[in-house]
Amino acid sequence: MKLKHVFLFQVLASTINGGLFILAPEYNLSIYGVNDISAREILLAQLLGAALLSYALVAWYARDSRDSLARYAIVIGFGTTHLIGLILTLFATLNGTINAMGWFACFLYLVLAAGYGYFFIKPGD
């Protein structure tokens, strides 16, 4: 496995989810069973979408970079983000805050956390 492939998966997942949260926040939240959505929740979803799109840009530009301290910092940052996201989404799915679609989000977080965790332990391609 190459770090470039993890970055490209990040680009794909973050672009799709980020775009949906920005352009169709009510629809995307409803997929996860979040209903009766207020303007505040729409704004928070759109801000999440913006963050996801920024992750996609960072991953896109880091994909072909050489091994460096900056690239290692990106691995640590993304890995930490996805590990925390996995834990929070797992709890939200288990306690019914979000519906069974939460398992898909857990899967995405798990794949990305494991990918970045691998390159945290074994730096370099």
PDB file of N, CA and C in Angstrom:
ATOM      1  N   MET A   1       0.856  -1.178   0.000  1.00  0.00           N
ATOM      2  CA  MET A   1       0.000   0.000   0.000  1.00  0.00           C
ATOM      3  C   MET A   1       0.897   1.234   0.000  1.00  0.00           C
ATOM      4  N   LYS A   2       0.481   2.232  -0.746  1.00  0.00           N
ATOM      5  CA  LYS A   2       1.213   3.492  -0.815  1.00  0.00           C
ATOM      6  C   LYS A   2       0.382   4.594  -0.168  1.00  0.00           C
ATOM      7  N   LEU A   3       1.065   5.532   0.440  1.00  0.00           N
ATOM      8  CA  LEU A   3       0.377   6.666   1.059  1.00  0.00           C
ATOM      9  C   LEU A   3      -0.426   7.445   0.027  1.00  0.00           C
ATOM     10  N   LYS A   4       0.071   7.478  -1.205  1.00  0.00           N
ATOM     11  CA  LYS A   4      -0.648   8.170  -2.281  1.00  0.00           C
ATOM     12  C   LYS A   4      -2.071   7.627  -2.414  1.00  0.00           C
ATOM     13  N   HIS A   5      -2.244   6.321  -2.267  1.00  0.00           N
ATOM     14  CA  HIS A   5      -3.571   5.710  -2.395  1.00  0.00           C
ATOM     15  C   HIS A   5      -4.493   6.115  -1.240  1.00  0.00           C
ATOM     16  N   VAL A   6      -3.934   6.231  -0.046  1.00  0.00           N
ATOM     17  CA  VAL A   6      -4.724   6.693   1.093  1.00  0.00           C
ATOM     18  C   VAL A   6      -5.160   8.137   0.859  1.00  0.00           C
ATOM     19  N   PHE A   7      -4.229   8.970   0.386  1.00  0.00           N
ATOM     20  CA  PHE A   7      -4.566  10.359   0.080  1.00  0.00           C
ATOM     21  C   PHE A   7      -5.662  10.433  -0.993  1.00  0.00           C
ATOM     22  N   LEU A   8      -5.573   9.597  -2.029  1.00  0.00           N
ATOM     23  CA  LEU A   8      -6.596   9.632  -3.091  1.00  0.00           C
ATOM     24  C   LEU A   8      -7.962   9.176  -2.580  1.00  0.00           C
ATOM     25  N   PHE A   9      -7.983   8.183  -1.687  1.00  0.00           N
ATOM     26  CA  PHE A   9      -9.250   7.767  -1.072  1.00  0.00           C
ATOM     27  C   PHE A   9      -9.816   8.914  -0.242  1.00  0.00           C
ATOM     28  N   GLN A  10      -8.934   9.610   0.473  1.00  0.00           N
ATOM     29  CA  GLN A  10      -9.340  10.794   1.245  1.00  0.00           C
ATOM     30  C   GLN A  10      -9.968  11.843   0.328  1.00  0.00           C
ATOM     31  N   VAL A  11      -9.336  12.085  -0.814  1.00  0.00           N
ATOM     32  CA  VAL A  11      -9.857  13.067  -1.772  1.00  0.00           C
ATOM     33  C   VAL A  11     -11.264  12.674  -2.210  1.00  0.00           C
ATOM     34  N   LEU A  12     -11.442  11.426  -2.579  1.00  0.00           N
ATOM     35  CA  LEU A  12     -12.744  10.950  -3.053  1.00  0.00           C
ATOM     36  C   LEU A  12     -13.818  11.073  -1.974  1.00  0.00           C
ATOM     37  N   ALA A  13     -13.547  10.531  -0.793  1.00  0.00           N
ATOM     38  CA  ALA A  13     -14.538  10.544   0.293  1.00  0.00           C
ATOM     39  C   ALA A  13     -14.850  11.971   0.745  1.00  0.00           C
ATOM     40  N   SER A  14     -13.826  12.795   0.879  1.00  0.00           N
ATOM     41  CA  SER A  14     -14.034  14.159   1.372  1.00  0.00           C
ATOM     42  C   SER A  14     -14.727  15.045   0.343  1.00  0.00           C
ATOM     43  N   THR A  15     -14.417  14.854  -0.927  1.00  0.00           N
ATOM     44  CA  THR A  15     -15.060  15.656  -1.971  1.00  0.00           C
ATOM     45  C   THR A  15     -16.553  15.338  -2.066  1.00  0.00           C
ATOM     46  N   ILE A  16     -16.883  14.069  -2.065  1.00  0.00           N
ATOM     47  CA  ILE A  16     -18.302  13.673  -2.162  1.00  0.00           C
ATOM     48  C   ILE A  16     -19.072  14.155  -0.932  1.00  0.00           C
ATOM     49  N   ASN A  17     -18.580  13.816   0.260  1.00  0.00           N
ATOM     50  CA  ASN A  17     -19.290  14.201   1.479  1.00  0.00           C
ATOM     51  C   ASN A  17     -19.290  15.707   1.683  1.00  0.00           C
ATOM     52  N   GLY A  18     -18.160  16.342   1.438  1.00  0.00           N
ATOM     53  CA  GLY A  18     -18.087  17.791   1.587  1.00  0.00           C
ATOM     54  C   GLY A  18     -19.031  18.513   0.650  1.00  0.00           C
ATOM     55  N   GLY A  19     -19.053  18.076  -0.601  1.00  0.00           N
ATOM     56  CA  GLY A  19     -19.963  18.691  -1.568  1.00  0.00           C
ATOM     57  C   GLY A  19     -21.421  18.514  -1.179  1.00  0.00           C
ATOM     58  N   LEU A  20     -21.770  17.312  -0.720  1.00  0.00           N
ATOM     59  CA  LEU A  20     -23.156  17.073  -0.302  1.00  0.00           C
ATOM     60  C   LEU A  20     -23.533  17.910   0.915  1.00  0.00           C
ATOM     61  N   PHE A  21     -22.619  18.026   1.877  1.00  0.00           N
ATOM     62  CA  PHE A  21     -22.933  18.828   3.063  1.00  0.00           C
ATOM     63  C   PHE A  21     -23.061  20.313   2.734  1.00  0.00           C
ATOM     64  N   ILE A  22     -22.341  20.793   1.738  1.00  0.00           N
ATOM     65  CA  ILE A  22     -22.454  22.203   1.361  1.00  0.00           C
ATOM     66  C   ILE A  22     -23.691  22.444   0.491  1.00  0.00           C
ATOM     67  N   LEU A  23     -23.873  21.620  -0.531  1.00  0.00           N
ATOM     68  CA  LEU A  23     -24.933  21.864  -1.520  1.00  0.00           C
ATOM     69  C   LEU A  23     -26.298  21.328  -1.105  1.00  0.00           C
ATOM     70  N   ALA A  24     -26.329  20.246  -0.342  1.00  0.00           N
ATOM     71  CA  ALA A  24     -27.605  19.637   0.052  1.00  0.00           C
ATOM     72  C   ALA A  24     -27.545  19.183   1.505  1.00  0.00           C
ATOM     73  N   PRO A  25     -27.351  20.113   2.441  1.00  0.00           N
ATOM     74  CA  PRO A  25     -27.176  19.709   3.843  1.00  0.00           C
ATOM     75  C   PRO A  25     -28.388  18.991   4.425  1.00  0.00           C
ATOM     76  N   GLU A  26     -29.584  19.445   4.089  1.00  0.00           N
ATOM     77  CA  GLU A  26     -30.780  18.794   4.646  1.00  0.00           C
ATOM     78  C   GLU A  26     -30.894  17.353   4.163  1.00  0.00           C
ATOM     79  N   TYR A  27     -30.643  17.154   2.883  1.00  0.00           N
ATOM     80  CA  TYR A  27     -30.687  15.799   2.324  1.00  0.00           C
ATOM     81  C   TYR A  27     -29.631  14.916   2.969  1.00  0.00           C
ATOM     82  N   ASN A  28     -28.400  15.421   3.056  1.00  0.00           N
ATOM     83  CA  ASN A  28     -27.314  14.620   3.602  1.00  0.00           C
ATOM     84  C   ASN A  28     -27.555  14.294   5.075  1.00  0.00           C
ATOM     85  N   LEU A  29     -28.058  15.231   5.847  1.00  0.00           N
ATOM     86  CA  LEU A  29     -28.374  14.946   7.245  1.00  0.00           C
ATOM     87  C   LEU A  29     -29.514  13.941   7.368  1.00  0.00           C
ATOM     88  N   SER A  30     -30.502  14.036   6.466  1.00  0.00           N
ATOM     89  CA  SER A  30     -31.637  13.110   6.533  1.00  0.00           C
ATOM     90  C   SER A  30     -31.215  11.674   6.245  1.00  0.00           C
ATOM     91  N   ILE A  31     -30.162  11.490   5.459  1.00  0.00           N
ATOM     92  CA  ILE A  31     -29.641  10.144   5.204  1.00  0.00           C
ATOM     93  C   ILE A  31     -29.242   9.480   6.518  1.00  0.00           C
ATOM     94  N   TYR A  32     -28.733  10.280   7.443  1.00  0.00           N
ATOM     95  CA  TYR A  32     -28.295   9.778   8.743  1.00  0.00           C
ATOM     96  C   TYR A  32     -29.407   9.812   9.788  1.00  0.00           C
ATOM     97  N   GLY A  33     -30.635  10.102   9.368  1.00  0.00           N
ATOM     98  CA  GLY A  33     -31.773  10.089  10.281  1.00  0.00           C
ATOM     99  C   GLY A  33     -31.939  11.362  11.077  1.00  0.00           C
ATOM    100  N   VAL A  34     -31.263  12.424  10.686  1.00  0.00           N
ATOM    101  CA  VAL A  34     -31.403  13.709  11.372  1.00  0.00           C
ATOM    102  C   VAL A  34     -32.541  14.457  10.684  1.00  0.00           C
ATOM    103  N   ASN A  35     -33.630  14.668  11.403  1.00  0.00           N
ATOM    104  CA  ASN A  35     -34.816  15.316  10.846  1.00  0.00           C
ATOM    105  C   ASN A  35     -35.127  16.589  11.622  1.00  0.00           C
ATOM    106  N   ASP A  36     -36.119  17.348  11.178  1.00  0.00           N
ATOM    107  CA  ASP A  36     -36.477  18.622  11.811  1.00  0.00           C
ATOM    108  C   ASP A  36     -35.238  19.505  11.951  1.00  0.00           C
ATOM    109  N   ILE A  37     -34.623  19.756  10.834  1.00  0.00           N
ATOM    110  CA  ILE A  37     -33.326  20.435  10.795  1.00  0.00           C
ATOM    111  C   ILE A  37     -33.520  21.945  10.858  1.00  0.00           C
ATOM    112  N   SER A  38     -32.809  22.587  11.779  1.00  0.00           N
ATOM    113  CA  SER A  38     -32.896  24.038  11.934  1.00  0.00           C
ATOM    114  C   SER A  38     -31.841  24.722  11.070  1.00  0.00           C
ATOM    115  N   ALA A  39     -31.941  26.036  10.980  1.00  0.00           N
ATOM    116  CA  ALA A  39     -30.964  26.820  10.224  1.00  0.00           C
ATOM    117  C   ALA A  39     -29.571  26.667  10.839  1.00  0.00           C
ATOM    118  N   ARG A  40     -29.496  26.520  12.137  1.00  0.00           N
ATOM    119  CA  ARG A  40     -28.196  26.327  12.801  1.00  0.00           C
ATOM    120  C   ARG A  40     -27.556  25.006  12.379  1.00  0.00           C
ATOM    121  N   GLU A  41     -28.366  23.966  12.327  1.00  0.00           N
ATOM    122  CA  GLU A  41     -27.851  22.657  11.918  1.00  0.00           C
ATOM    123  C   GLU A  41     -27.408  22.672  10.456  1.00  0.00           C
ATOM    124  N   ILE A  42     -28.134  23.401   9.618  1.00  0.00           N
ATOM    125  CA  ILE A  42     -27.739  23.543   8.215  1.00  0.00           C
ATOM    126  C   ILE A  42     -26.388  24.244   8.125  1.00  0.00           C
ATOM    127  N   LEU A  43     -26.224  25.309   8.888  1.00  0.00           N
ATOM    128  CA  LEU A  43     -24.948  26.027   8.889  1.00  0.00           C
ATOM    129  C   LEU A  43     -23.817  25.124   9.364  1.00  0.00           C
ATOM    130  N   LEU A  44     -24.025  24.393  10.442  1.00  0.00           N
ATOM    131  CA  LEU A  44     -22.981  23.488  10.942  1.00  0.00           C
ATOM    132  C   LEU A  44     -22.641  22.410   9.914  1.00  0.00           C
ATOM    133  N   ALA A  45     -23.641  21.885   9.229  1.00  0.00           N
ATOM    134  CA  ALA A  45     -23.396  20.892   8.190  1.00  0.00           C
ATOM    135  C   ALA A  45     -22.583  21.496   7.046  1.00  0.00           C
ATOM    136  N   GLN A  46     -22.907  22.725   6.659  1.00  0.00           N
ATOM    137  CA  GLN A  46     -22.161  23.374   5.590  1.00  0.00           C
ATOM    138  C   GLN A  46     -20.727  23.689   6.012  1.00  0.00           C
ATOM    139  N   LEU A  47     -20.528  24.068   7.265  1.00  0.00           N
ATOM    140  CA  LEU A  47     -19.167  24.288   7.759  1.00  0.00           C
ATOM    141  C   LEU A  47     -18.374  22.980   7.769  1.00  0.00           C
ATOM    142  N   LEU A  48     -19.033  21.882   8.134  1.00  0.00           N
ATOM    143  CA  LEU A  48     -18.386  20.575   8.052  1.00  0.00           C
ATOM    144  C   LEU A  48     -18.009  20.271   6.610  1.00  0.00           C
ATOM    145  N   GLY A  49     -18.908  20.571   5.683  1.00  0.00           N
ATOM    146  CA  GLY A  49     -18.617  20.367   4.269  1.00  0.00           C
ATOM    147  C   GLY A  49     -17.403  21.159   3.811  1.00  0.00           C
ATOM    148  N   ALA A  50     -17.296  22.398   4.274  1.00  0.00           N
ATOM    149  CA  ALA A  50     -16.134  23.218   3.922  1.00  0.00           C
ATOM    150  C   ALA A  50     -14.851  22.597   4.462  1.00  0.00           C
ATOM    151  N   ALA A  51     -14.898  22.100   5.698  1.00  0.00           N
ATOM    152  CA  ALA A  51     -13.722  21.448   6.276  1.00  0.00           C
ATOM    153  C   ALA A  51     -13.347  20.199   5.481  1.00  0.00           C
ATOM    154  N   LEU A  52     -14.355  19.426   5.090  1.00  0.00           N
ATOM    155  CA  LEU A  52     -14.083  18.217   4.310  1.00  0.00           C
ATOM    156  C   LEU A  52     -13.449  18.548   2.964  1.00  0.00           C
ATOM    157  N   LEU A  53     -13.932  19.606   2.318  1.00  0.00           N
ATOM    158  CA  LEU A  53     -13.330  19.999   1.049  1.00  0.00           C
ATOM    159  C   LEU A  53     -11.889  20.470   1.242  1.00  0.00           C
ATOM    160  N   SER A  54     -11.609  21.111   2.365  1.00  0.00           N
ATOM    161  CA  SER A  54     -10.218  21.506   2.626  1.00  0.00           C
ATOM    162  C   SER A  54      -9.349  20.270   2.848  1.00  0.00           C
ATOM    163  N   TYR A  55      -9.886  19.221   3.493  1.00  0.00           N
ATOM    164  CA  TYR A  55      -9.143  17.966   3.635  1.00  0.00           C
ATOM    165  C   TYR A  55      -8.824  17.390   2.258  1.00  0.00           C
ATOM    166  N   ALA A  56      -9.804  17.455   1.356  1.00  0.00           N
ATOM    167  CA  ALA A  56      -9.598  16.934   0.008  1.00  0.00           C
ATOM    168  C   ALA A  56      -8.475  17.686  -0.700  1.00  0.00           C
ATOM    169  N   LEU A  57      -8.452  18.998  -0.554  1.00  0.00           N
ATOM    170  CA  LEU A  57      -7.392  19.793  -1.194  1.00  0.00           C
ATOM    171  C   LEU A  57      -6.021  19.470  -0.613  1.00  0.00           C
ATOM    172  N   VAL A  58      -5.929  19.369   0.702  1.00  0.00           N
ATOM    173  CA  VAL A  58      -4.650  19.044   1.332  1.00  0.00           C
ATOM    174  C   VAL A  58      -4.181  17.665   0.846  1.00  0.00           C
ATOM    175  N   ALA A  59      -5.073  16.688   0.855  1.00  0.00           N
ATOM    176  CA  ALA A  59      -4.711  15.337   0.423  1.00  0.00           C
ATOM    177  C   ALA A  59      -4.313  15.323  -1.054  1.00  0.00           C
ATOM    178  N   TRP A  60      -5.016  16.084  -1.885  1.00  0.00           N
ATOM    179  CA  TRP A  60      -4.705  16.134  -3.318  1.00  0.00           C
ATOM    180  C   TRP A  60      -3.288  16.660  -3.555  1.00  0.00           C
ATOM    181  N   TYR A  61      -2.948  17.724  -2.875  1.00  0.00           N
ATOM    182  CA  TYR A  61      -1.628  18.311  -3.091  1.00  0.00           C
ATOM    183  C   TYR A  61      -0.514  17.558  -2.367  1.00  0.00           C
ATOM    184  N   ALA A  62      -0.861  16.786  -1.347  1.00  0.00           N
ATOM    185  CA  ALA A  62       0.146  16.005  -0.627  1.00  0.00           C
ATOM    186  C   ALA A  62       0.414  14.658  -1.288  1.00  0.00           C
ATOM    187  N   ARG A  63      -0.452  14.216  -2.163  1.00  0.00           N
ATOM    188  CA  ARG A  63      -0.371  12.860  -2.700  1.00  0.00           C
ATOM    189  C   ARG A  63       0.941  12.565  -3.428  1.00  0.00           C
ATOM    190  N   ASP A  64       1.490  13.529  -4.127  1.00  0.00           N
ATOM    191  CA  ASP A  64       2.719  13.309  -4.887  1.00  0.00           C
ATOM    192  C   ASP A  64       3.944  13.946  -4.244  1.00  0.00           C
ATOM    193  N   SER A  65       3.784  14.459  -3.045  1.00  0.00           N
ATOM    194  CA  SER A  65       4.938  15.090  -2.395  1.00  0.00           C
ATOM    195  C   SER A  65       5.902  14.015  -1.882  1.00  0.00           C
ATOM    196  N   ARG A  66       7.128  14.413  -1.769  1.00  0.00           N
ATOM    197  CA  ARG A  66       8.146  13.501  -1.242  1.00  0.00           C
ATOM    198  C   ARG A  66       7.994  13.388   0.266  1.00  0.00           C
ATOM    199  N   ASP A  67       8.608  12.364   0.824  1.00  0.00           N
ATOM    200  CA  ASP A  67       8.616  12.234   2.284  1.00  0.00           C
ATOM    201  C   ASP A  67       9.188  13.504   2.896  1.00  0.00           C
ATOM    202  N   SER A  68       8.479  14.012   3.874  1.00  0.00           N
ATOM    203  CA  SER A  68       8.937  15.221   4.545  1.00  0.00           C
ATOM    204  C   SER A  68       8.258  15.312   5.901  1.00  0.00           C
ATOM    205  N   LEU A  69       8.739  16.226   6.684  1.00  0.00           N
ATOM    206  CA  LEU A  69       8.123  16.460   7.984  1.00  0.00           C
ATOM    207  C   LEU A  69       6.689  16.963   7.807  1.00  0.00           C
ATOM    208  N   ALA A  70       6.457  17.798   6.792  1.00  0.00           N
ATOM    209  CA  ALA A  70       5.108  18.318   6.544  1.00  0.00           C
ATOM    210  C   ALA A  70       4.146  17.193   6.169  1.00  0.00           C
ATOM    211  N   ARG A  71       4.588  16.293   5.317  1.00  0.00           N
ATOM    212  CA  ARG A  71       3.723  15.177   4.911  1.00  0.00           C
ATOM    213  C   ARG A  71       3.434  14.268   6.102  1.00  0.00           C
ATOM    214  N   TYR A  72       4.440  14.059   6.961  1.00  0.00           N
ATOM    215  CA  TYR A  72       4.237  13.253   8.165  1.00  0.00           C
ATOM    216  C   TYR A  72       3.245  13.949   9.103  1.00  0.00           C
ATOM    217  N   ALA A  73       3.315  15.275   9.173  1.00  0.00           N
ATOM    218  CA  ALA A  73       2.372  16.035   9.997  1.00  0.00           C
ATOM    219  C   ALA A  73       0.950  15.893   9.460  1.00  0.00           C
ATOM    220  N   ILE A  74       0.793  15.857   8.147  1.00  0.00           N
ATOM    221  CA  ILE A  74      -0.525  15.650   7.538  1.00  0.00           C
ATOM    222  C   ILE A  74      -1.052  14.269   7.917  1.00  0.00           C
ATOM    223  N   VAL A  75      -0.199  13.263   7.874  1.00  0.00           N
ATOM    224  CA  VAL A  75      -0.595  11.904   8.265  1.00  0.00           C
ATOM    225  C   VAL A  75      -1.064  11.885   9.719  1.00  0.00           C
ATOM    226  N   ILE A  76      -0.325  12.529  10.602  1.00  0.00           N
ATOM    227  CA  ILE A  76      -0.707  12.572  12.018  1.00  0.00           C
ATOM    228  C   ILE A  76      -2.032  13.312  12.196  1.00  0.00           C
ATOM    229  N   GLY A  77      -2.170  14.461  11.534  1.00  0.00           N
ATOM    230  CA  GLY A  77      -3.396  15.249  11.652  1.00  0.00           C
ATOM    231  C   GLY A  77      -4.614  14.525  11.123  1.00  0.00           C
ATOM    232  N   PHE A  78      -4.511  13.972   9.916  1.00  0.00           N
ATOM    233  CA  PHE A  78      -5.643  13.242   9.343  1.00  0.00           C
ATOM    234  C   PHE A  78      -5.942  11.981  10.152  1.00  0.00           C
ATOM    235  N   GLY A  79      -4.902  11.274  10.566  1.00  0.00           N
ATOM    236  CA  GLY A  79      -5.115  10.059  11.345  1.00  0.00           C
ATOM    237  C   GLY A  79      -5.838  10.341  12.652  1.00  0.00           C
ATOM    238  N   THR A  80      -5.422  11.402  13.335  1.00  0.00           N
ATOM    239  CA  THR A  80      -6.077  11.786  14.589  1.00  0.00           C
ATOM    240  C   THR A  80      -7.526  12.186  14.347  1.00  0.00           C
ATOM    241  N   THR A  81      -7.752  12.976  13.319  1.00  0.00           N
ATOM    242  CA  THR A  81      -9.113  13.401  12.981  1.00  0.00           C
ATOM    243  C   THR A  81     -10.021  12.207  12.722  1.00  0.00           C
ATOM    244  N   HIS A  82      -9.535  11.239  11.959  1.00  0.00           N
ATOM    245  CA  HIS A  82     -10.375  10.091  11.605  1.00  0.00           C
ATOM    246  C   HIS A  82     -10.566   9.130  12.776  1.00  0.00           C
ATOM    247  N   LEU A  83      -9.577   9.021  13.646  1.00  0.00           N
ATOM    248  CA  LEU A  83      -9.748   8.189  14.838  1.00  0.00           C
ATOM    249  C   LEU A  83     -10.803   8.793  15.763  1.00  0.00           C
ATOM    250  N   ILE A  84     -10.733  10.099  15.989  1.00  0.00           N
ATOM    251  CA  ILE A  84     -11.749  10.772  16.813  1.00  0.00           C
ATOM    252  C   ILE A  84     -13.121  10.678  16.149  1.00  0.00           C
ATOM    253  N   GLY A  85     -13.165  10.896  14.836  1.00  0.00           N
ATOM    254  CA  GLY A  85     -14.426  10.774  14.101  1.00  0.00           C
ATOM    255  C   GLY A  85     -15.022   9.383  14.214  1.00  0.00           C
ATOM    256  N   LEU A  86     -14.173   8.358  14.160  1.00  0.00           N
ATOM    257  CA  LEU A  86     -14.640   6.980  14.315  1.00  0.00           C
ATOM    258  C   LEU A  86     -15.272   6.774  15.683  1.00  0.00           C
ATOM    259  N   ILE A  87     -14.611   7.226  16.723  1.00  0.00           N
ATOM    260  CA  ILE A  87     -15.122   7.056  18.082  1.00  0.00           C
ATOM    261  C   ILE A  87     -16.455   7.783  18.260  1.00  0.00           C
ATOM    262  N   LEU A  88     -16.505   9.040  17.840  1.00  0.00           N
ATOM    263  CA  LEU A  88     -17.735   9.814  17.996  1.00  0.00           C
ATOM    264  C   LEU A  88     -18.888   9.229  17.178  1.00  0.00           C
ATOM    265  N   THR A  89     -18.602   8.819  15.947  1.00  0.00           N
ATOM    266  CA  THR A  89     -19.647   8.254  15.090  1.00  0.00           C
ATOM    267  C   THR A  89     -20.100   6.897  15.597  1.00  0.00           C
ATOM    268  N   LEU A  90     -19.183   6.121  16.133  1.00  0.00           N
ATOM    269  CA  LEU A  90     -19.543   4.830  16.713  1.00  0.00           C
ATOM    270  C   LEU A  90     -20.507   5.021  17.883  1.00  0.00           C
ATOM    271  N   PHE A  91     -20.175   5.946  18.796  1.00  0.00           N
ATOM    272  CA  PHE A  91     -21.074   6.215  19.923  1.00  0.00           C
ATOM    273  C   PHE A  91     -22.426   6.730  19.441  1.00  0.00           C
ATOM    274  N   ALA A  92     -22.426   7.642  18.466  1.00  0.00           N
ATOM    275  CA  ALA A  92     -23.682   8.204  17.959  1.00  0.00           C
ATOM    276  C   ALA A  92     -24.540   7.129  17.293  1.00  0.00           C
ATOM    277  N   THR A  93     -23.911   6.191  16.618  1.00  0.00           N
ATOM    278  CA  THR A  93     -24.662   5.105  15.975  1.00  0.00           C
ATOM    279  C   THR A  93     -25.205   4.134  17.019  1.00  0.00           C
ATOM    280  N   LEU A  94     -24.373   3.795  17.976  1.00  0.00           N
ATOM    281  CA  LEU A  94     -24.802   2.839  19.004  1.00  0.00           C
ATOM    282  C   LEU A  94     -25.904   3.387  19.898  1.00  0.00           C
ATOM    283  N   ASN A  95     -25.894   4.691  20.188  1.00  0.00           N
ATOM    284  CA  ASN A  95     -26.927   5.231  21.078  1.00  0.00           C
ATOM    285  C   ASN A  95     -28.144   5.770  20.322  1.00  0.00           C
ATOM    286  N   GLY A  96     -28.166   5.620  19.006  1.00  0.00           N
ATOM    287  CA  GLY A  96     -29.341   5.997  18.224  1.00  0.00           C
ATOM    288  C   GLY A  96     -29.411   7.456  17.822  1.00  0.00           C
ATOM    289  N   THR A  97     -28.356   8.221  18.058  1.00  0.00           N
ATOM    290  CA  THR A  97     -28.347   9.622  17.634  1.00  0.00           C
ATOM    291  C   THR A  97     -28.453   9.709  16.118  1.00  0.00           C
ATOM    292  N   ILE A  98     -27.762   8.808  15.426  1.00  0.00           N
ATOM    293  CA  ILE A  98     -27.904   8.686  13.978  1.00  0.00           C
ATOM    294  C   ILE A  98     -28.326   7.265  13.665  1.00  0.00           C
ATOM    295  N   ASN A  99     -28.873   7.062  12.492  1.00  0.00           N
ATOM    296  CA  ASN A  99     -29.423   5.756  12.139  1.00  0.00           C
ATOM    297  C   ASN A  99     -28.330   4.790  11.671  1.00  0.00           C
ATOM    298  N   ALA A 100     -28.743   3.687  11.091  1.00  0.00           N
ATOM    299  CA  ALA A 100     -27.810   2.640  10.669  1.00  0.00           C
ATOM    300  C   ALA A 100     -26.822   3.113   9.610  1.00  0.00           C
ATOM    301  N   MET A 101     -27.107   4.210   8.924  1.00  0.00           N
ATOM    302  CA  MET A 101     -26.159   4.757   7.961  1.00  0.00           C
ATOM    303  C   MET A 101     -24.865   5.185   8.656  1.00  0.00           C
ATOM    304  N   GLY A 102     -24.933   5.369   9.969  1.00  0.00           N
ATOM    305  CA  GLY A 102     -23.743   5.691  10.741  1.00  0.00           C
ATOM    306  C   GLY A 102     -22.667   4.623  10.625  1.00  0.00           C
ATOM    307  N   TRP A 103     -23.086   3.377  10.381  1.00  0.00           N
ATOM    308  CA  TRP A 103     -22.094   2.307  10.222  1.00  0.00           C
ATOM    309  C   TRP A 103     -21.238   2.538   8.984  1.00  0.00           C
ATOM    310  N   PHE A 104     -21.824   3.104   7.948  1.00  0.00           N
ATOM    311  CA  PHE A 104     -21.050   3.426   6.749  1.00  0.00           C
ATOM    312  C   PHE A 104     -20.011   4.507   7.068  1.00  0.00           C
ATOM    313  N   ALA A 105     -20.429   5.520   7.813  1.00  0.00           N
ATOM    314  CA  ALA A 105     -19.488   6.566   8.223  1.00  0.00           C
ATOM    315  C   ALA A 105     -18.389   5.973   9.101  1.00  0.00           C
ATOM    316  N   CYS A 106     -18.758   5.056   9.998  1.00  0.00           N
ATOM    317  CA  CYS A 106     -17.750   4.385  10.829  1.00  0.00           C
ATOM    318  C   CYS A 106     -16.751   3.633   9.957  1.00  0.00           C
ATOM    319  N   PHE A 107     -17.250   2.977   8.923  1.00  0.00           N
ATOM    320  CA  PHE A 107     -16.372   2.243   8.013  1.00  0.00           C
ATOM    321  C   PHE A 107     -15.387   3.186   7.323  1.00  0.00           C
ATOM    322  N   LEU A 108     -15.878   4.316   6.818  1.00  0.00           N
ATOM    323  CA  LEU A 108     -14.989   5.283   6.172  1.00  0.00           C
ATOM    324  C   LEU A 108     -13.930   5.785   7.149  1.00  0.00           C
ATOM    325  N   TYR A 109     -14.365   6.154   8.346  1.00  0.00           N
ATOM    326  CA  TYR A 109     -13.410   6.613   9.356  1.00  0.00           C
ATOM    327  C   TYR A 109     -12.391   5.525   9.699  1.00  0.00           C
ATOM    328  N   LEU A 110     -12.855   4.288   9.815  1.00  0.00           N
ATOM    329  CA  LEU A 110     -11.961   3.182  10.152  1.00  0.00           C
ATOM    330  C   LEU A 110     -10.915   2.970   9.060  1.00  0.00           C
ATOM    331  N   VAL A 111     -11.344   2.942   7.810  1.00  0.00           N
ATOM    332  CA  VAL A 111     -10.410   2.741   6.696  1.00  0.00           C
ATOM    333  C   VAL A 111      -9.371   3.850   6.665  1.00  0.00           C
ATOM    334  N   LEU A 112      -9.820   5.088   6.801  1.00  0.00           N
ATOM    335  CA  LEU A 112      -8.880   6.206   6.747  1.00  0.00           C
ATOM    336  C   LEU A 112      -7.973   6.247   7.977  1.00  0.00           C
ATOM    337  N   ALA A 113      -8.521   6.000   9.157  1.00  0.00           N
ATOM    338  CA  ALA A 113      -7.688   5.988  10.372  1.00  0.00           C
ATOM    339  C   ALA A 113      -6.643   4.875  10.292  1.00  0.00           C
ATOM    340  N   ALA A 114      -7.042   3.712   9.802  1.00  0.00           N
ATOM    341  CA  ALA A 114      -6.097   2.595   9.666  1.00  0.00           C
ATOM    342  C   ALA A 114      -5.026   2.917   8.625  1.00  0.00           C
ATOM    343  N   GLY A 115      -5.430   3.504   7.515  1.00  0.00           N
ATOM    344  CA  GLY A 115      -4.462   3.866   6.479  1.00  0.00           C
ATOM    345  C   GLY A 115      -3.431   4.856   6.984  1.00  0.00           C
ATOM    346  N   TYR A 116      -3.900   5.926   7.615  1.00  0.00           N
ATOM    347  CA  TYR A 116      -2.962   6.915   8.148  1.00  0.00           C
ATOM    348  C   TYR A 116      -2.178   6.345   9.333  1.00  0.00           C
ATOM    349  N   GLY A 117      -2.811   5.492  10.134  1.00  0.00           N
ATOM    350  CA  GLY A 117      -2.110   4.856  11.248  1.00  0.00           C
ATOM    351  C   GLY A 117      -0.965   3.982  10.765  1.00  0.00           C
ATOM    352  N   TYR A 118      -1.179   3.293   9.678  1.00  0.00           N
ATOM    353  CA  TYR A 118      -0.127   2.460   9.092  1.00  0.00           C
ATOM    354  C   TYR A 118       1.094   3.302   8.727  1.00  0.00           C
ATOM    355  N   PHE A 119       0.845   4.456   8.097  1.00  0.00           N
ATOM    356  CA  PHE A 119       1.962   5.295   7.678  1.00  0.00           C
ATOM    357  C   PHE A 119       2.504   6.153   8.827  1.00  0.00           C
ATOM    358  N   PHE A 120       1.778   6.218   9.926  1.00  0.00           N
ATOM    359  CA  PHE A 120       2.336   6.835  11.136  1.00  0.00           C
ATOM    360  C   PHE A 120       3.373   5.902  11.749  1.00  0.00           C
ATOM    361  N   ILE A 121       3.044   4.612  11.793  1.00  0.00           N
ATOM    362  CA  ILE A 121       3.944   3.617  12.369  1.00  0.00           C
ATOM    363  C   ILE A 121       5.114   3.339  11.430  1.00  0.00           C
ATOM    364  N   LYS A 122       4.822   3.283  10.130  1.00  0.00           N
ATOM    365  CA  LYS A 122       5.846   2.989   9.127  1.00  0.00           C
ATOM    366  C   LYS A 122       5.953   4.180   8.179  1.00  0.00           C
ATOM    367  N   PRO A 123       6.679   5.223   8.590  1.00  0.00           N
ATOM    368  CA  PRO A 123       6.784   6.396   7.726  1.00  0.00           C
ATOM    369  C   PRO A 123       7.407   6.056   6.369  1.00  0.00           C
ATOM    370  N   GLY A 124       6.980   6.788   5.357  1.00  0.00           N
ATOM    371  CA  GLY A 124       7.481   6.573   4.006  1.00  0.00           C
ATOM    372  C   GLY A 124       6.612   5.610   3.244  1.00  0.00           C
ATOM    373  N   ASP A 125       6.791   5.624   1.943  1.00  0.00           N
ATOM    374  CA  ASP A 125       6.027   4.716   1.085  1.00  0.00           C
ATOM    375  C   ASP A 125       6.757   3.398   1.032  1.00  0.00           C
TER     376      ASP A 125
END
